[in-house]
Amino acid sequence: MQELDKNRIPAHVALICDGNGRWAKKRGMPRTYGHRKGGFVIRDTVQNAAKLGIKAVTFFCFSTENWNRPEDEVKYLMTAPAKFLKRYMKDLASTNARIRMLGRRDRLPKIFMDVINEVEEKTKDHTGIICNLCIDYGSYDEITTAVKKIASEYKDGNITLDDITPALIEGNLFTKDLPKLDLLIRTSGECRISNFLLWQLGYAELYFTDTLWPDFDNNELIKAIADYQKRDRRFGGIKNENK
């Protein structure tokens, strides 16, 4: 196992949990089998990230475009995660994790939202790692929602044009109270962002791995962070070569 620099642990890591269906297909199983396994990996990743000192993890679980998937798969994704959260709530909470959902809440089934609301309420005062589950989430939708809020404030005379700054926009995003995003990890070999945290990714480091999400374990997480720690993060500036 690689040694990590404890002083350079990313504060906020986002993960695109891709490859559940392909993982299941390789085993002659339905896609839902892969999603079930992927749920356990989310649980384990939260616990592993907390031990490493990561402050927040954000998982891309279900996008605004995923409604176009086969009906039986969508039905599973709208029922199984709720059961999983209810069953393993103690495991997730044992890390003192605060669990939240980011995304639209108006299109999800009541049974799903009841569990989400319960989990959020029970963990709201936890002071450990923040676990964000992006469900019915799309960055276009998030930014559009923020723009509408700001436009409404302008229309009501509460702000001026000069008040509209990057900081104001960030303050109206779902991630407004989170650390800046440091690292994005995408599994399964796909090298694209897929409408995920587009604003937040401005200066984040990107890490792509061929590992399918159900096979993403603590060693894979450490490999990703080790790679992150090799990066020279200049945020648009240049390295001072005199140092």
Protein backbone atom coordinates (compact mmCIF):
# COMPACT_ATOMS: atom_id res chain seq x y z
CA MET A 1 0.00 0.00 0.00
CA GLN A 2 1.31 3.44 -0.94
CA GLU A 3 2.29 5.96 1.70
CA LEU A 4 0.38 9.23 1.55
CA ASP A 5 1.48 12.68 2.63
CA LYS A 6 -0.96 13.40 5.47
CA ASN A 7 -0.45 17.13 4.95
CA ARG A 8 -1.72 16.96 1.36
CA ILE A 9 -4.94 15.00 1.72
CA PRO A 10 -7.66 16.51 -0.51
CA ALA A 11 -10.42 18.15 1.52
CA HIS A 12 -13.22 17.38 -0.93
CA VAL A 13 -13.31 14.40 -3.30
CA ALA A 14 -16.05 13.75 -5.86
CA LEU A 15 -16.65 10.34 -7.40
CA ILE A 16 -18.52 9.34 -10.56
CA CYS A 17 -19.57 5.81 -9.64
CA ASP A 18 -19.52 4.26 -13.11
CA GLY A 19 -19.42 0.65 -14.27
CA ASN A 20 -22.04 -1.13 -12.15
CA GLY A 21 -23.87 -2.50 -15.19
CA ARG A 22 -20.74 -3.72 -16.96
CA TRP A 23 -19.48 -5.33 -13.74
CA ALA A 24 -22.73 -7.27 -13.42
CA LYS A 25 -22.82 -8.22 -17.11
CA LYS A 26 -19.30 -9.73 -16.87
CA ARG A 27 -20.73 -12.01 -14.20
CA GLY A 28 -23.86 -12.94 -16.16
CA MET A 29 -26.05 -11.00 -13.75
CA PRO A 30 -28.63 -8.22 -14.26
CA ARG A 31 -27.52 -4.59 -14.04
CA THR A 32 -29.38 -4.21 -10.75
CA TYR A 33 -26.93 -6.70 -9.19
CA GLY A 34 -24.12 -4.30 -10.00
CA HIS A 35 -26.01 -1.36 -8.51
CA ARG A 36 -26.53 -3.32 -5.30
CA LYS A 37 -22.82 -4.08 -5.04
CA GLY A 38 -22.07 -0.43 -5.84
CA GLY A 39 -24.10 0.66 -2.83
CA PHE A 40 -21.80 -1.26 -0.50
CA VAL A 41 -18.80 0.39 -2.16
CA ILE A 42 -20.25 3.84 -1.42
CA ARG A 43 -20.62 2.85 2.24
CA ASP A 44 -17.05 1.53 2.39
CA THR A 45 -15.62 4.53 0.56
CA VAL A 46 -17.18 6.94 3.06
CA GLN A 47 -15.58 5.03 5.91
CA ASN A 48 -12.20 4.77 4.17
CA ALA A 49 -12.20 8.46 3.21
CA ALA A 50 -13.00 9.46 6.79
CA LYS A 51 -10.01 7.47 8.06
CA LEU A 52 -7.74 9.25 5.57
CA GLY A 53 -8.87 12.66 6.80
CA ILE A 54 -10.96 13.69 3.80
CA LYS A 55 -13.56 16.26 4.88
CA ALA A 56 -16.23 15.70 2.22
CA VAL A 57 -17.08 13.10 -0.44
CA THR A 58 -19.65 13.66 -3.16
CA PHE A 59 -21.01 10.68 -5.11
CA PHE A 60 -22.75 10.91 -8.51
CA CYS A 61 -25.44 8.29 -7.98
CA PHE A 62 -28.33 9.17 -10.34
CA SER A 63 -28.31 11.94 -12.93
CA THR A 64 -31.14 14.03 -14.34
CA GLU A 65 -30.61 12.05 -17.57
CA ASN A 66 -30.77 8.62 -15.93
CA TRP A 67 -34.58 8.70 -16.05
CA ASN A 68 -34.12 7.60 -19.68
CA ARG A 69 -32.73 4.21 -18.62
CA PRO A 70 -34.88 1.03 -18.81
CA GLU A 71 -37.97 1.24 -16.61
CA ASP A 72 -37.06 -1.73 -14.41
CA GLU A 73 -33.60 -0.29 -13.73
CA VAL A 74 -35.01 3.12 -12.81
CA LYS A 75 -37.57 1.46 -10.55
CA TYR A 76 -34.79 -0.43 -8.79
CA LEU A 77 -32.71 2.73 -8.37
CA MET A 78 -35.69 4.49 -6.81
CA THR A 79 -36.36 1.75 -4.24
CA ALA A 80 -33.20 -0.21 -3.42
CA PRO A 81 -31.07 2.78 -2.26
CA ALA A 82 -33.77 3.77 0.23
CA LYS A 83 -33.74 0.25 1.68
CA PHE A 84 -29.94 0.27 1.71
CA LEU A 85 -29.75 3.58 3.56
CA LYS A 86 -32.27 2.45 6.13
CA ARG A 87 -30.45 -0.84 6.71
CA TYR A 88 -26.94 0.58 6.89
CA MET A 89 -27.68 3.94 8.47
CA LYS A 90 -25.80 2.92 11.63
CA ASP A 91 -22.72 1.91 9.61
CA LEU A 92 -22.61 5.23 7.80
CA ALA A 93 -23.32 7.18 10.97
CA SER A 94 -20.62 5.29 12.90
CA THR A 95 -18.01 7.49 11.21
CA ASN A 96 -19.85 10.54 12.61
CA ALA A 97 -20.68 11.26 8.96
CA ARG A 98 -23.22 13.85 7.95
CA ILE A 99 -25.26 12.46 5.06
CA ARG A 100 -27.01 14.75 2.60
CA MET A 101 -28.68 14.56 -0.77
CA LEU A 102 -27.85 17.03 -3.55
CA GLY A 103 -30.22 17.32 -6.49
CA ARG A 104 -33.88 17.76 -7.35
CA ARG A 105 -36.37 16.60 -4.76
CA ASP A 106 -39.61 17.14 -6.65
CA ARG A 107 -39.45 14.07 -8.92
CA LEU A 108 -38.36 11.39 -6.47
CA PRO A 109 -40.86 8.89 -4.93
CA LYS A 110 -42.17 9.72 -1.47
CA ILE A 111 -40.79 6.47 -0.01
CA PHE A 112 -37.35 7.48 -1.24
CA MET A 113 -37.56 11.03 0.10
CA ASP A 114 -38.90 9.84 3.46
CA VAL A 115 -35.69 7.84 4.01
CA ILE A 116 -33.46 10.65 2.71
CA ASN A 117 -35.15 13.14 5.05
CA GLU A 118 -34.76 10.74 7.97
CA VAL A 119 -31.06 10.17 7.29
CA GLU A 120 -30.38 13.88 6.87
CA GLU A 121 -32.22 14.70 10.10
CA LYS A 122 -30.46 12.00 12.13
CA THR A 123 -26.98 13.03 10.95
CA LYS A 124 -27.40 16.81 10.67
CA ASP A 125 -25.39 17.52 13.83
CA HIS A 126 -22.59 15.08 13.03
CA THR A 127 -19.19 16.72 12.79
CA GLY A 128 -17.29 14.10 10.80
CA ILE A 129 -16.99 13.60 7.06
CA ILE A 130 -19.77 15.04 4.90
CA CYS A 131 -21.24 12.46 2.51
CA ASN A 132 -23.19 13.97 -0.39
CA LEU A 133 -25.35 11.69 -2.51
CA CYS A 134 -26.13 13.35 -5.85
CA ILE A 135 -29.51 11.95 -6.87
CA ASP A 136 -31.57 13.36 -9.76
CA TYR A 137 -28.63 15.73 -10.11
CA GLY A 138 -27.31 17.51 -13.18
CA SER A 139 -24.94 20.45 -13.23
CA TYR A 140 -26.94 22.28 -15.90
CA ASP A 141 -29.97 22.03 -13.63
CA GLU A 142 -27.97 23.16 -10.58
CA ILE A 143 -26.54 26.22 -12.34
CA THR A 144 -29.91 27.09 -13.89
CA THR A 145 -31.52 26.95 -10.45
CA ALA A 146 -28.82 29.24 -9.06
CA VAL A 147 -29.28 31.73 -11.92
CA LYS A 148 -33.04 31.80 -11.33
CA LYS A 149 -32.54 32.53 -7.62
CA ILE A 150 -30.12 35.36 -8.41
CA ALA A 151 -32.41 36.77 -11.12
CA SER A 152 -35.29 36.78 -8.65
CA GLU A 153 -33.17 38.65 -6.10
CA TYR A 154 -32.24 41.20 -8.77
CA LYS A 155 -35.84 41.58 -9.90
CA ASP A 156 -36.92 42.23 -6.30
CA GLY A 157 -34.25 44.89 -5.93
CA ASN A 158 -32.27 43.00 -3.30
CA ILE A 159 -29.07 42.97 -5.34
CA THR A 160 -27.50 45.02 -8.14
CA LEU A 161 -25.68 43.82 -11.23
CA ASP A 162 -22.37 44.57 -9.52
CA ASP A 163 -23.35 42.18 -6.72
CA ILE A 164 -23.38 39.26 -9.16
CA THR A 165 -19.95 37.74 -8.70
CA PRO A 166 -18.49 34.22 -8.82
CA ALA A 167 -18.80 34.15 -5.03
CA LEU A 168 -22.52 34.95 -5.23
CA ILE A 169 -23.06 32.22 -7.81
CA GLU A 170 -21.15 29.71 -5.67
CA GLY A 171 -23.29 30.75 -2.73
CA ASN A 172 -26.39 29.62 -4.60
CA LEU A 173 -25.09 26.20 -5.66
CA PHE A 174 -25.97 22.96 -3.85
CA THR A 175 -22.34 22.77 -2.66
CA LYS A 176 -22.25 26.25 -1.14
CA ASP A 177 -21.19 25.11 2.35
CA LEU A 178 -18.60 22.53 1.26
CA PRO A 179 -14.82 22.80 0.90
CA LYS A 180 -13.58 23.59 -2.59
CA LEU A 181 -13.50 20.51 -4.79
CA ASP A 182 -9.94 19.16 -4.98
CA LEU A 183 -10.22 15.85 -6.80
CA LEU A 184 -12.67 14.11 -9.14
CA ILE A 185 -12.41 10.34 -9.55
CA ARG A 186 -14.25 8.54 -12.34
CA THR A 187 -14.26 4.76 -12.54
CA SER A 188 -14.77 2.33 -15.46
CA GLY A 189 -12.40 3.89 -17.98
CA GLU A 190 -14.73 6.62 -19.21
CA CYS A 191 -12.94 9.98 -19.56
CA ARG A 192 -15.70 12.56 -19.45
CA ILE A 193 -17.47 14.69 -16.86
CA SER A 194 -21.10 13.84 -17.75
CA ASN A 195 -22.71 17.06 -16.52
CA PHE A 196 -21.34 16.66 -12.99
CA LEU A 197 -20.19 19.59 -10.81
CA LEU A 198 -19.16 21.65 -13.83
CA TRP A 199 -18.69 24.90 -11.90
CA GLN A 200 -16.96 23.22 -8.98
CA LEU A 201 -14.50 21.39 -11.25
CA GLY A 202 -12.90 24.63 -12.42
CA TYR A 203 -9.55 23.92 -10.72
CA ALA A 204 -10.05 20.36 -9.45
CA GLU A 205 -7.67 17.57 -10.41
CA LEU A 206 -9.15 14.77 -12.56
CA TYR A 207 -8.36 11.09 -12.10
CA PHE A 208 -9.71 8.35 -14.38
CA THR A 209 -9.34 4.66 -13.66
CA ASP A 210 -10.34 1.55 -15.62
CA THR A 211 -11.52 -0.06 -12.38
CA LEU A 212 -15.28 -0.65 -12.37
CA TRP A 213 -17.09 0.95 -9.45
CA PRO A 214 -17.99 -2.31 -7.64
CA ASP A 215 -14.25 -3.13 -7.56
CA PHE A 216 -13.22 0.29 -6.22
CA ASP A 217 -11.72 -0.42 -2.79
CA ASN A 218 -9.49 1.36 -0.30
CA ASN A 219 -6.35 0.56 -2.32
CA GLU A 220 -7.92 2.21 -5.38
CA LEU A 221 -8.83 5.28 -3.33
CA ILE A 222 -5.27 5.54 -2.03
CA LYS A 223 -3.88 5.18 -5.58
CA ALA A 224 -6.07 8.08 -6.70
CA ILE A 225 -4.96 10.30 -3.83
CA ALA A 226 -1.31 9.35 -4.35
CA ASP A 227 -1.65 10.47 -7.97
CA TYR A 228 -3.32 13.70 -6.82
CA GLN A 229 -0.39 14.39 -4.49
CA LYS A 230 2.00 14.27 -7.46
CA ARG A 231 0.16 17.11 -9.20
CA ASP A 232 1.57 20.65 -9.28
CA ARG A 233 -1.51 22.72 -8.46
CA ARG A 234 -0.87 26.30 -9.62
CA PHE A 235 -4.47 27.54 -9.99
CA GLY A 236 -3.60 29.54 -13.09
CA GLY A 237 -0.32 30.90 -11.71
CA ILE A 238 3.25 29.76 -12.28
CA LYS A 239 5.65 27.93 -10.01
CA ASN A 240 8.21 30.08 -8.24
CA GLU A 241 11.42 28.54 -9.56
CA ASN A 242 13.54 30.55 -7.11
CA LYS A 243 12.26 28.54 -4.18
